[in-house]
Amino acid sequence: MSWVWPHGDYASRLTWQGAGGAQVTVVTRAEYRQSGGVRLPSAGSIRALEVATIAFGNGREWTSAPVSIPVDVPTPVVSYQLHIPGSRFGKRKPVEVTATSQSHSGPVSLVAVVRAGKIMPTRVEIDDVTVPLRLDFSSGSTTTGQFDLPKMPSPFWVRLFAADGSDFKVQDPPTAMLKG
């Protein structure tokens, strides 16, 4: 982030709330110029940001009242890959899901839509076969899960959607990965 630095020998105190809790850093004018601004770690998870000016003089330090900076909160994205095993003797192993999200932590609820036919599902329809799926990103940015497929004639599609009321977007893998 960058801003117009006030005239004089000041520092700036930045305070922000992110995924790791409250964090504070103090940046001098020289550090600001050398870096071309301020780089905040995990910027995508920042929910609140304040900046205060710190003035120095006579061996003392004075800090201004902090100013809140509006932060656009991006919608977290969950991307996924599927492994749809082939059937052997009429039996099929569970579908394996590997999901990644750089900006979401904690559990997410998804709906797997399984639809027979040649046309890929674009949304959840009333007559679709749906399988609820819950994945948890509490341990890191990648997680895995699996679910059983109902008996379905080929060709068929398997596609994941965010459950109703979710606060994230789902990014699909290549189309060939969705077809069974």
N, C-alpha and C. Protein backbone atom coordinates (compact mmCIF):
# COMPACT_ATOMS: atom_id res chain seq x y z
N MET A 1 0.84 -1.17 0.00
CA MET A 1 0.00 0.00 0.00
C MET A 1 0.88 1.22 0.00
N SER A 2 0.34 2.30 -0.48
CA SER A 2 1.13 3.53 -0.53
C SER A 2 0.22 4.73 -0.26
N TRP A 3 0.83 5.84 0.12
CA TRP A 3 0.10 7.07 0.39
C TRP A 3 1.06 8.24 0.25
N VAL A 4 0.54 9.46 0.30
CA VAL A 4 1.36 10.66 0.24
C VAL A 4 1.92 10.88 1.64
N TRP A 5 3.24 10.85 1.73
CA TRP A 5 3.90 10.98 3.03
C TRP A 5 3.89 12.45 3.45
N PRO A 6 3.56 12.74 4.71
CA PRO A 6 3.54 14.15 5.15
C PRO A 6 4.96 14.72 5.18
N HIS A 7 5.06 16.05 5.02
CA HIS A 7 6.36 16.72 5.05
C HIS A 7 6.93 16.63 6.46
N GLY A 8 8.19 16.33 6.57
CA GLY A 8 8.84 16.26 7.87
C GLY A 8 9.34 14.85 8.17
N ASP A 9 9.96 14.74 9.33
CA ASP A 9 10.55 13.46 9.75
C ASP A 9 9.55 12.71 10.63
N TYR A 10 8.64 12.03 9.99
CA TYR A 10 7.61 11.30 10.70
C TYR A 10 7.74 9.80 10.42
N ALA A 11 7.06 9.02 11.23
CA ALA A 11 6.90 7.59 10.98
C ALA A 11 5.40 7.33 10.94
N SER A 12 5.04 6.16 10.48
CA SER A 12 3.63 5.78 10.43
C SER A 12 3.45 4.46 11.15
N ARG A 13 2.40 4.38 11.94
CA ARG A 13 2.05 3.14 12.62
C ARG A 13 0.82 2.56 11.92
N LEU A 14 0.98 1.35 11.39
CA LEU A 14 -0.13 0.67 10.73
C LEU A 14 -0.62 -0.44 11.66
N THR A 15 -1.91 -0.50 11.85
CA THR A 15 -2.54 -1.55 12.65
C THR A 15 -3.61 -2.19 11.79
N TRP A 16 -3.62 -3.52 11.73
CA TRP A 16 -4.61 -4.21 10.92
C TRP A 16 -5.09 -5.49 11.58
N GLN A 17 -6.29 -5.88 11.20
CA GLN A 17 -6.90 -7.13 11.64
C GLN A 17 -6.91 -8.06 10.44
N GLY A 18 -6.36 -9.23 10.62
CA GLY A 18 -6.35 -10.23 9.55
C GLY A 18 -6.59 -11.60 10.11
N ALA A 19 -6.29 -12.60 9.31
CA ALA A 19 -6.51 -13.99 9.72
C ALA A 19 -5.69 -14.34 10.95
N GLY A 20 -4.53 -13.71 11.13
CA GLY A 20 -3.67 -14.01 12.27
C GLY A 20 -3.96 -13.14 13.48
N GLY A 21 -5.05 -12.36 13.47
CA GLY A 21 -5.37 -11.47 14.58
C GLY A 21 -4.82 -10.07 14.32
N ALA A 22 -4.73 -9.29 15.39
CA ALA A 22 -4.26 -7.90 15.27
C ALA A 22 -2.75 -7.88 15.08
N GLN A 23 -2.28 -7.03 14.16
CA GLN A 23 -0.86 -6.86 13.91
C GLN A 23 -0.55 -5.39 13.79
N VAL A 24 0.69 -5.02 14.17
CA VAL A 24 1.12 -3.63 14.14
C VAL A 24 2.53 -3.58 13.55
N THR A 25 2.77 -2.55 12.75
CA THR A 25 4.13 -2.29 12.27
C THR A 25 4.32 -0.78 12.22
N VAL A 26 5.56 -0.36 12.48
CA VAL A 26 5.93 1.06 12.37
C VAL A 26 6.91 1.17 11.21
N VAL A 27 6.64 2.15 10.32
CA VAL A 27 7.45 2.34 9.12
C VAL A 27 8.00 3.75 9.13
N THR A 28 9.31 3.88 8.94
CA THR A 28 9.92 5.20 8.83
C THR A 28 9.84 5.67 7.38
N ARG A 29 10.07 6.95 7.18
CA ARG A 29 10.05 7.50 5.82
C ARG A 29 11.10 6.82 4.93
N ALA A 30 12.30 6.56 5.49
CA ALA A 30 13.37 5.92 4.73
C ALA A 30 12.95 4.50 4.31
N GLU A 31 12.34 3.74 5.22
CA GLU A 31 11.88 2.38 4.89
C GLU A 31 10.80 2.43 3.82
N TYR A 32 9.91 3.39 3.94
CA TYR A 32 8.82 3.56 2.98
C TYR A 32 9.39 3.82 1.58
N ARG A 33 10.34 4.76 1.49
CA ARG A 33 10.94 5.10 0.19
C ARG A 33 11.71 3.92 -0.39
N GLN A 34 12.48 3.23 0.45
CA GLN A 34 13.29 2.11 -0.02
C GLN A 34 12.42 0.99 -0.58
N SER A 35 11.28 0.72 0.04
CA SER A 35 10.40 -0.37 -0.39
C SER A 35 9.36 0.07 -1.41
N GLY A 36 9.24 1.37 -1.63
CA GLY A 36 8.23 1.86 -2.56
C GLY A 36 6.83 1.75 -2.01
N GLY A 37 6.69 1.76 -0.71
CA GLY A 37 5.40 1.61 -0.05
C GLY A 37 5.54 0.66 1.12
N VAL A 38 4.44 0.12 1.55
CA VAL A 38 4.43 -0.83 2.66
C VAL A 38 3.81 -2.13 2.17
N ARG A 39 4.47 -3.22 2.42
CA ARG A 39 3.96 -4.54 2.05
C ARG A 39 3.45 -5.22 3.30
N LEU A 40 2.17 -5.53 3.30
CA LEU A 40 1.56 -6.19 4.44
C LEU A 40 1.42 -7.68 4.16
N PRO A 41 1.83 -8.53 5.10
CA PRO A 41 1.71 -9.97 4.87
C PRO A 41 0.24 -10.39 4.84
N SER A 42 -0.07 -11.37 4.02
CA SER A 42 -1.44 -11.91 3.90
C SER A 42 -2.45 -10.80 3.66
N ALA A 43 -2.15 -9.92 2.71
CA ALA A 43 -3.01 -8.75 2.45
C ALA A 43 -4.44 -9.16 2.11
N GLY A 44 -4.64 -10.32 1.51
CA GLY A 44 -5.98 -10.75 1.14
C GLY A 44 -6.87 -11.06 2.32
N SER A 45 -6.27 -11.25 3.51
CA SER A 45 -7.09 -11.59 4.68
C SER A 45 -7.35 -10.37 5.58
N ILE A 46 -6.85 -9.20 5.21
CA ILE A 46 -7.03 -8.00 6.04
C ILE A 46 -8.48 -7.54 5.99
N ARG A 47 -9.04 -7.30 7.17
CA ARG A 47 -10.44 -6.88 7.29
C ARG A 47 -10.58 -5.45 7.80
N ALA A 48 -9.56 -4.94 8.50
CA ALA A 48 -9.60 -3.57 9.03
C ALA A 48 -8.17 -3.03 9.04
N LEU A 49 -8.02 -1.74 8.71
CA LEU A 49 -6.69 -1.13 8.63
C LEU A 49 -6.77 0.30 9.15
N GLU A 50 -5.80 0.65 9.99
CA GLU A 50 -5.70 2.02 10.51
C GLU A 50 -4.26 2.50 10.37
N VAL A 51 -4.10 3.81 10.11
CA VAL A 51 -2.78 4.42 9.99
C VAL A 51 -2.75 5.63 10.92
N ALA A 52 -1.65 5.76 11.68
CA ALA A 52 -1.45 6.91 12.57
C ALA A 52 -0.07 7.48 12.29
N THR A 53 0.06 8.80 12.41
CA THR A 53 1.35 9.47 12.23
C THR A 53 2.06 9.55 13.57
N ILE A 54 3.37 9.28 13.56
CA ILE A 54 4.19 9.38 14.77
C ILE A 54 5.19 10.50 14.54
N ALA A 55 5.15 11.52 15.41
CA ALA A 55 6.09 12.64 15.34
C ALA A 55 7.12 12.50 16.46
N PHE A 56 8.36 12.91 16.17
CA PHE A 56 9.44 12.81 17.14
C PHE A 56 9.97 14.21 17.42
N GLY A 57 10.36 14.46 18.67
CA GLY A 57 10.96 15.74 19.01
C GLY A 57 11.27 15.81 20.49
N ASN A 58 12.39 16.45 20.82
CA ASN A 58 12.83 16.61 22.20
C ASN A 58 12.88 15.27 22.95
N GLY A 59 13.28 14.22 22.23
CA GLY A 59 13.40 12.91 22.87
C GLY A 59 12.08 12.25 23.18
N ARG A 60 11.00 12.78 22.63
CA ARG A 60 9.67 12.21 22.88
C ARG A 60 9.04 11.78 21.57
N GLU A 61 7.94 11.08 21.72
CA GLU A 61 7.19 10.58 20.56
C GLU A 61 5.72 10.93 20.77
N TRP A 62 5.10 11.49 19.72
CA TRP A 62 3.68 11.81 19.77
C TRP A 62 2.99 11.06 18.63
N THR A 63 1.88 10.43 18.95
CA THR A 63 1.14 9.65 17.95
C THR A 63 -0.23 10.29 17.73
N SER A 64 -0.58 10.50 16.47
CA SER A 64 -1.89 11.07 16.13
C SER A 64 -2.98 10.03 16.35
N ALA A 65 -4.20 10.50 16.29
CA ALA A 65 -5.33 9.56 16.33
C ALA A 65 -5.31 8.73 15.04
N PRO A 66 -5.56 7.45 15.13
CA PRO A 66 -5.53 6.63 13.91
C PRO A 66 -6.68 6.97 12.97
N VAL A 67 -6.40 6.81 11.68
CA VAL A 67 -7.39 7.03 10.64
C VAL A 67 -7.72 5.67 10.03
N SER A 68 -9.01 5.34 9.96
CA SER A 68 -9.42 4.07 9.36
C SER A 68 -9.33 4.17 7.84
N ILE A 69 -8.79 3.14 7.24
CA ILE A 69 -8.66 3.05 5.79
C ILE A 69 -9.68 2.01 5.30
N PRO A 70 -10.55 2.39 4.37
CA PRO A 70 -11.51 1.40 3.86
C PRO A 70 -10.78 0.25 3.17
N VAL A 71 -11.21 -0.96 3.45
CA VAL A 71 -10.61 -2.16 2.88
C VAL A 71 -11.68 -2.92 2.11
N ASP A 72 -11.41 -3.14 0.83
CA ASP A 72 -12.31 -4.00 0.04
C ASP A 72 -11.97 -5.44 0.38
N VAL A 73 -12.95 -6.15 0.90
CA VAL A 73 -12.74 -7.53 1.29
C VAL A 73 -13.06 -8.42 0.09
N PRO A 74 -12.04 -9.07 -0.46
CA PRO A 74 -12.30 -9.94 -1.61
C PRO A 74 -13.06 -11.19 -1.18
N THR A 75 -13.89 -11.70 -2.06
CA THR A 75 -14.61 -12.93 -1.78
C THR A 75 -13.61 -14.08 -1.86
N PRO A 76 -13.51 -14.89 -0.79
CA PRO A 76 -12.58 -16.02 -0.83
C PRO A 76 -12.94 -16.98 -1.97
N VAL A 77 -11.92 -17.61 -2.53
CA VAL A 77 -12.11 -18.55 -3.63
C VAL A 77 -11.62 -19.92 -3.18
N VAL A 78 -12.43 -20.93 -3.44
CA VAL A 78 -12.06 -22.32 -3.19
C VAL A 78 -11.95 -22.99 -4.56
N SER A 79 -10.76 -23.45 -4.91
CA SER A 79 -10.59 -24.18 -6.16
C SER A 79 -10.46 -25.66 -5.81
N TYR A 80 -10.79 -26.50 -6.77
CA TYR A 80 -10.77 -27.93 -6.47
C TYR A 80 -10.36 -28.74 -7.69
N GLN A 81 -9.95 -29.96 -7.41
CA GLN A 81 -9.69 -30.95 -8.44
C GLN A 81 -10.40 -32.23 -8.02
N LEU A 82 -10.85 -32.98 -9.01
CA LEU A 82 -11.56 -34.24 -8.75
C LEU A 82 -10.80 -35.40 -9.37
N HIS A 83 -10.88 -36.51 -8.69
CA HIS A 83 -10.44 -37.78 -9.28
C HIS A 83 -11.67 -38.69 -9.23
N ILE A 84 -12.25 -38.95 -10.40
CA ILE A 84 -13.43 -39.82 -10.51
C ILE A 84 -12.94 -41.18 -10.99
N PRO A 85 -12.87 -42.15 -10.08
CA PRO A 85 -12.36 -43.47 -10.50
C PRO A 85 -13.36 -44.18 -11.41
N GLY A 86 -12.83 -44.99 -12.30
CA GLY A 86 -13.69 -45.79 -13.17
C GLY A 86 -14.37 -46.89 -12.36
N SER A 87 -15.41 -47.47 -12.91
CA SER A 87 -16.09 -48.54 -12.18
C SER A 87 -15.48 -49.88 -12.56
N ARG A 88 -15.45 -50.77 -11.60
CA ARG A 88 -14.97 -52.13 -11.83
C ARG A 88 -16.05 -53.08 -11.35
N PHE A 89 -16.52 -53.87 -12.28
CA PHE A 89 -17.56 -54.86 -11.97
C PHE A 89 -18.78 -54.21 -11.33
N GLY A 90 -19.14 -53.02 -11.83
CA GLY A 90 -20.33 -52.33 -11.34
C GLY A 90 -20.12 -51.57 -10.05
N LYS A 91 -18.93 -51.64 -9.46
CA LYS A 91 -18.65 -50.90 -8.23
C LYS A 91 -17.70 -49.76 -8.54
N ARG A 92 -17.87 -48.69 -7.83
CA ARG A 92 -17.04 -47.51 -8.05
C ARG A 92 -16.50 -47.05 -6.72
N LYS A 93 -15.22 -46.70 -6.69
CA LYS A 93 -14.61 -46.13 -5.49
C LYS A 93 -15.10 -44.70 -5.33
N PRO A 94 -14.97 -44.13 -4.12
CA PRO A 94 -15.42 -42.75 -3.91
C PRO A 94 -14.65 -41.74 -4.76
N VAL A 95 -15.32 -40.64 -5.07
CA VAL A 95 -14.68 -39.52 -5.76
C VAL A 95 -13.76 -38.83 -4.75
N GLU A 96 -12.53 -38.54 -5.17
CA GLU A 96 -11.58 -37.86 -4.31
C GLU A 96 -11.52 -36.38 -4.70
N VAL A 97 -11.61 -35.52 -3.70
CA VAL A 97 -11.59 -34.07 -3.90
C VAL A 97 -10.34 -33.51 -3.22
N THR A 98 -9.60 -32.69 -3.95
CA THR A 98 -8.49 -31.93 -3.37
C THR A 98 -8.84 -30.46 -3.59
N ALA A 99 -8.98 -29.74 -2.50
CA ALA A 99 -9.40 -28.33 -2.58
C ALA A 99 -8.31 -27.43 -2.01
N THR A 100 -8.22 -26.24 -2.60
CA THR A 100 -7.22 -25.26 -2.18
C THR A 100 -7.89 -23.90 -2.03
N SER A 101 -7.50 -23.18 -0.98
CA SER A 101 -7.96 -21.80 -0.81
C SER A 101 -6.88 -21.02 -0.08
N GLN A 102 -6.39 -19.98 -0.72
CA GLN A 102 -5.38 -19.14 -0.09
C GLN A 102 -5.99 -18.13 0.88
N SER A 103 -7.30 -17.91 0.77
CA SER A 103 -7.91 -16.84 1.56
C SER A 103 -9.04 -17.30 2.47
N HIS A 104 -9.27 -18.58 2.58
CA HIS A 104 -10.35 -19.07 3.45
C HIS A 104 -9.75 -19.99 4.49
N SER A 105 -10.21 -19.84 5.72
CA SER A 105 -9.78 -20.77 6.76
C SER A 105 -11.04 -21.27 7.46
N GLY A 106 -10.96 -22.49 7.93
CA GLY A 106 -12.10 -23.10 8.59
C GLY A 106 -12.91 -23.95 7.64
N PRO A 107 -14.06 -24.43 8.11
CA PRO A 107 -14.88 -25.35 7.30
C PRO A 107 -15.66 -24.63 6.19
N VAL A 108 -15.89 -25.37 5.10
CA VAL A 108 -16.73 -24.88 4.00
C VAL A 108 -17.73 -25.98 3.65
N SER A 109 -18.92 -25.57 3.26
CA SER A 109 -19.95 -26.52 2.84
C SER A 109 -20.16 -26.41 1.34
N LEU A 110 -20.07 -27.55 0.68
CA LEU A 110 -20.23 -27.63 -0.76
C LEU A 110 -21.34 -28.61 -1.09
N VAL A 111 -21.80 -28.53 -2.32
CA VAL A 111 -22.78 -29.49 -2.83
C VAL A 111 -22.20 -30.06 -4.11
N ALA A 112 -22.06 -31.38 -4.15
CA ALA A 112 -21.62 -32.05 -5.38
C ALA A 112 -22.87 -32.39 -6.18
N VAL A 113 -22.93 -31.90 -7.41
CA VAL A 113 -24.04 -32.22 -8.30
C VAL A 113 -23.56 -33.32 -9.24
N VAL A 114 -24.33 -34.40 -9.28
CA VAL A 114 -24.03 -35.52 -10.17
C VAL A 114 -25.17 -35.60 -11.16
N ARG A 115 -24.84 -35.42 -12.45
CA ARG A 115 -25.88 -35.37 -13.47
C ARG A 115 -25.49 -36.23 -14.66
N ALA A 116 -26.40 -37.13 -15.05
CA ALA A 116 -26.18 -37.95 -16.24
C ALA A 116 -26.44 -37.10 -17.48
N GLY A 117 -25.74 -37.42 -18.56
CA GLY A 117 -25.98 -36.72 -19.82
C GLY A 117 -24.73 -36.08 -20.36
N LYS A 118 -24.90 -35.38 -21.47
CA LYS A 118 -23.78 -34.77 -22.15
C LYS A 118 -23.56 -33.30 -21.79
N ILE A 119 -24.49 -32.73 -21.03
CA ILE A 119 -24.41 -31.30 -20.72
C ILE A 119 -23.99 -31.11 -19.27
N MET A 120 -22.92 -30.35 -19.08
CA MET A 120 -22.39 -30.08 -17.74
C MET A 120 -23.36 -29.20 -16.95
N PRO A 121 -23.57 -29.50 -15.67
CA PRO A 121 -24.46 -28.65 -14.86
C PRO A 121 -23.86 -27.25 -14.67
N THR A 122 -24.72 -26.24 -14.76
CA THR A 122 -24.28 -24.87 -14.54
C THR A 122 -24.79 -24.32 -13.21
N ARG A 123 -25.71 -25.04 -12.60
CA ARG A 123 -26.24 -24.68 -11.27
C ARG A 123 -26.95 -25.91 -10.72
N VAL A 124 -27.32 -25.83 -9.47
CA VAL A 124 -28.05 -26.94 -8.83
C VAL A 124 -29.51 -26.85 -9.25
N GLU A 125 -30.02 -27.92 -9.86
CA GLU A 125 -31.42 -28.00 -10.29
C GLU A 125 -32.20 -28.88 -9.31
N ILE A 126 -33.51 -28.72 -9.30
CA ILE A 126 -34.37 -29.46 -8.38
C ILE A 126 -34.23 -30.97 -8.55
N ASP A 127 -34.12 -31.44 -9.78
CA ASP A 127 -34.09 -32.88 -10.01
C ASP A 127 -32.67 -33.46 -10.05
N ASP A 128 -31.64 -32.67 -9.70
CA ASP A 128 -30.26 -33.17 -9.68
C ASP A 128 -30.03 -34.10 -8.51
N VAL A 129 -29.12 -35.02 -8.69
CA VAL A 129 -28.62 -35.83 -7.58
C VAL A 129 -27.56 -34.97 -6.89
N THR A 130 -27.74 -34.69 -5.62
CA THR A 130 -26.79 -33.85 -4.90
C THR A 130 -26.21 -34.63 -3.72
N VAL A 131 -24.95 -34.35 -3.44
CA VAL A 131 -24.26 -34.97 -2.32
C VAL A 131 -23.62 -33.84 -1.52
N PRO A 132 -24.00 -33.67 -0.24
CA PRO A 132 -23.36 -32.63 0.57
C PRO A 132 -21.91 -33.00 0.88
N LEU A 133 -21.05 -32.00 0.90
CA LEU A 133 -19.64 -32.23 1.15
C LEU A 133 -19.13 -31.11 2.04
N ARG A 134 -18.45 -31.48 3.10
CA ARG A 134 -17.88 -30.49 4.02
C ARG A 134 -16.37 -30.68 4.05
N LEU A 135 -15.65 -29.60 3.77
CA LEU A 135 -14.19 -29.61 3.80
C LEU A 135 -13.73 -28.60 4.85
N ASP A 136 -12.54 -28.84 5.41
CA ASP A 136 -12.06 -27.97 6.48
C ASP A 136 -10.65 -27.46 6.17
N PHE A 137 -10.50 -26.14 6.10
CA PHE A 137 -9.21 -25.51 5.82
C PHE A 137 -8.52 -25.04 7.10
N SER A 138 -8.94 -25.55 8.26
CA SER A 138 -8.34 -25.13 9.53
C SER A 138 -6.86 -25.50 9.62
N SER A 139 -6.46 -26.59 8.97
CA SER A 139 -5.08 -27.06 9.07
C SER A 139 -4.17 -26.52 7.98
N GLY A 140 -4.70 -25.77 7.04
CA GLY A 140 -3.86 -25.23 5.98
C GLY A 140 -4.66 -24.84 4.76
N SER A 141 -3.95 -24.46 3.70
CA SER A 141 -4.63 -23.94 2.51
C SER A 141 -5.09 -25.05 1.56
N THR A 142 -4.72 -26.29 1.83
CA THR A 142 -5.17 -27.42 1.00
C THR A 142 -5.79 -28.48 1.90
N THR A 143 -6.89 -29.04 1.43
CA THR A 143 -7.57 -30.10 2.18
C THR A 143 -8.13 -31.12 1.20
N THR A 144 -8.47 -32.27 1.71
CA THR A 144 -9.00 -33.33 0.86
C THR A 144 -10.30 -33.86 1.46
N GLY A 145 -11.07 -34.51 0.62
CA GLY A 145 -12.31 -35.15 1.05
C GLY A 145 -12.72 -36.16 0.00
N GLN A 146 -13.77 -36.88 0.29
CA GLN A 146 -14.28 -37.83 -0.68
C GLN A 146 -15.77 -38.03 -0.45
N PHE A 147 -16.43 -38.53 -1.50
CA PHE A 147 -17.85 -38.84 -1.40
C PHE A 147 -18.17 -39.96 -2.38
N ASP A 148 -19.23 -40.71 -2.04
CA ASP A 148 -19.66 -41.82 -2.89
C ASP A 148 -20.55 -41.32 -4.00
N LEU A 149 -20.37 -41.90 -5.17
CA LEU A 149 -21.24 -41.59 -6.31
C LEU A 149 -22.41 -42.56 -6.32
N PRO A 150 -23.59 -42.06 -6.59
CA PRO A 150 -24.70 -42.99 -6.79
C PRO A 150 -24.50 -43.72 -8.13
N LYS A 151 -25.22 -44.83 -8.32
CA LYS A 151 -25.14 -45.51 -9.62
C LYS A 151 -25.64 -44.56 -10.68
N MET A 152 -24.85 -44.43 -11.73
CA MET A 152 -25.14 -43.43 -12.74
C MET A 152 -24.64 -43.96 -14.09
N PRO A 153 -25.49 -43.90 -15.15
CA PRO A 153 -25.01 -44.32 -16.46
C PRO A 153 -24.02 -43.29 -17.03
N SER A 154 -23.07 -43.78 -17.80
CA SER A 154 -22.12 -42.86 -18.45
C SER A 154 -22.76 -42.34 -19.74
N PRO A 155 -22.43 -41.16 -20.17
CA PRO A 155 -21.56 -40.20 -19.51
C PRO A 155 -22.32 -39.45 -18.41
N PHE A 156 -21.55 -38.95 -17.45
CA PHE A 156 -22.14 -38.15 -16.38
C PHE A 156 -21.14 -37.08 -15.98
N TRP A 157 -21.64 -36.10 -15.22
CA TRP A 157 -20.83 -34.98 -14.76
C TRP A 157 -20.86 -34.91 -13.24
N VAL A 158 -19.76 -34.47 -12.66
CA VAL A 158 -19.68 -34.19 -11.22
C VAL A 158 -19.11 -32.79 -11.09
N ARG A 159 -19.85 -31.90 -10.45
CA ARG A 159 -19.38 -30.52 -10.30
C ARG A 159 -19.74 -30.03 -8.91
N LEU A 160 -18.84 -29.28 -8.29
CA LEU A 160 -19.07 -28.76 -6.95
C LEU A 160 -19.58 -27.32 -7.01
N PHE A 161 -20.50 -27.03 -6.10
CA PHE A 161 -21.05 -25.68 -5.95
C PHE A 161 -21.01 -25.31 -4.48
N ALA A 162 -20.94 -24.01 -4.20
CA ALA A 162 -21.02 -23.54 -2.81
C ALA A 162 -22.43 -23.79 -2.30
N ALA A 163 -22.55 -24.26 -1.07
CA ALA A 163 -23.86 -24.46 -0.46
C ALA A 163 -24.54 -23.10 -0.27
N ASP A 164 -25.86 -23.09 -0.20
CA ASP A 164 -26.60 -21.84 0.00
C ASP A 164 -26.09 -21.11 1.24
N GLY A 165 -25.93 -19.80 1.13
CA GLY A 165 -25.49 -18.98 2.26
C GLY A 165 -23.99 -18.96 2.46
N SER A 166 -23.22 -19.54 1.55
CA SER A 166 -21.77 -19.57 1.69
C SER A 166 -21.15 -18.21 1.37
N ASP A 167 -19.98 -17.97 1.96
CA ASP A 167 -19.30 -16.68 1.76
C ASP A 167 -18.05 -16.83 0.88
N PHE A 168 -18.07 -17.77 -0.07
CA PHE A 168 -16.93 -17.98 -0.94
C PHE A 168 -17.41 -18.34 -2.34
N LYS A 169 -16.48 -18.25 -3.31
CA LYS A 169 -16.77 -18.66 -4.68
C LYS A 169 -16.02 -19.95 -4.95
N VAL A 170 -16.57 -20.76 -5.86
CA VAL A 170 -15.94 -22.02 -6.24
C VAL A 170 -15.34 -21.85 -7.63
N GLN A 171 -14.08 -22.24 -7.76
CA GLN A 171 -13.39 -22.20 -9.05
C GLN A 171 -13.21 -23.63 -9.55
N ASP A 172 -13.78 -23.92 -10.71
CA ASP A 172 -13.76 -25.27 -11.26
C ASP A 172 -12.40 -25.64 -11.83
N PRO A 173 -12.11 -26.95 -11.86
CA PRO A 173 -10.91 -27.43 -12.56
C PRO A 173 -11.20 -27.50 -14.06
N PRO A 174 -10.24 -27.98 -14.86
CA PRO A 174 -10.53 -28.17 -16.28
C PRO A 174 -11.75 -29.09 -16.47
N THR A 175 -12.53 -28.81 -17.50
CA THR A 175 -13.79 -29.52 -17.75
C THR A 175 -13.61 -31.03 -17.83
N ALA A 176 -12.52 -31.48 -18.41
CA ALA A 176 -12.30 -32.94 -18.56
C ALA A 176 -12.27 -33.64 -17.21
N MET A 177 -11.90 -32.94 -16.15
CA MET A 177 -11.82 -33.53 -14.83
C MET A 177 -13.21 -33.75 -14.21
N LEU A 178 -14.23 -33.08 -14.75
CA LEU A 178 -15.58 -33.16 -14.20
C LEU A 178 -16.42 -34.26 -14.82
N LYS A 179 -15.93 -34.87 -15.87
CA LYS A 179 -16.72 -35.83 -16.62
C LYS A 179 -16.36 -37.26 -16.24
N GLY A 180 -17.41 -38.06 -16.02
CA GLY A 180 -17.21 -39.46 -15.67
C GLY A 180 -17.77 -40.38 -16.70
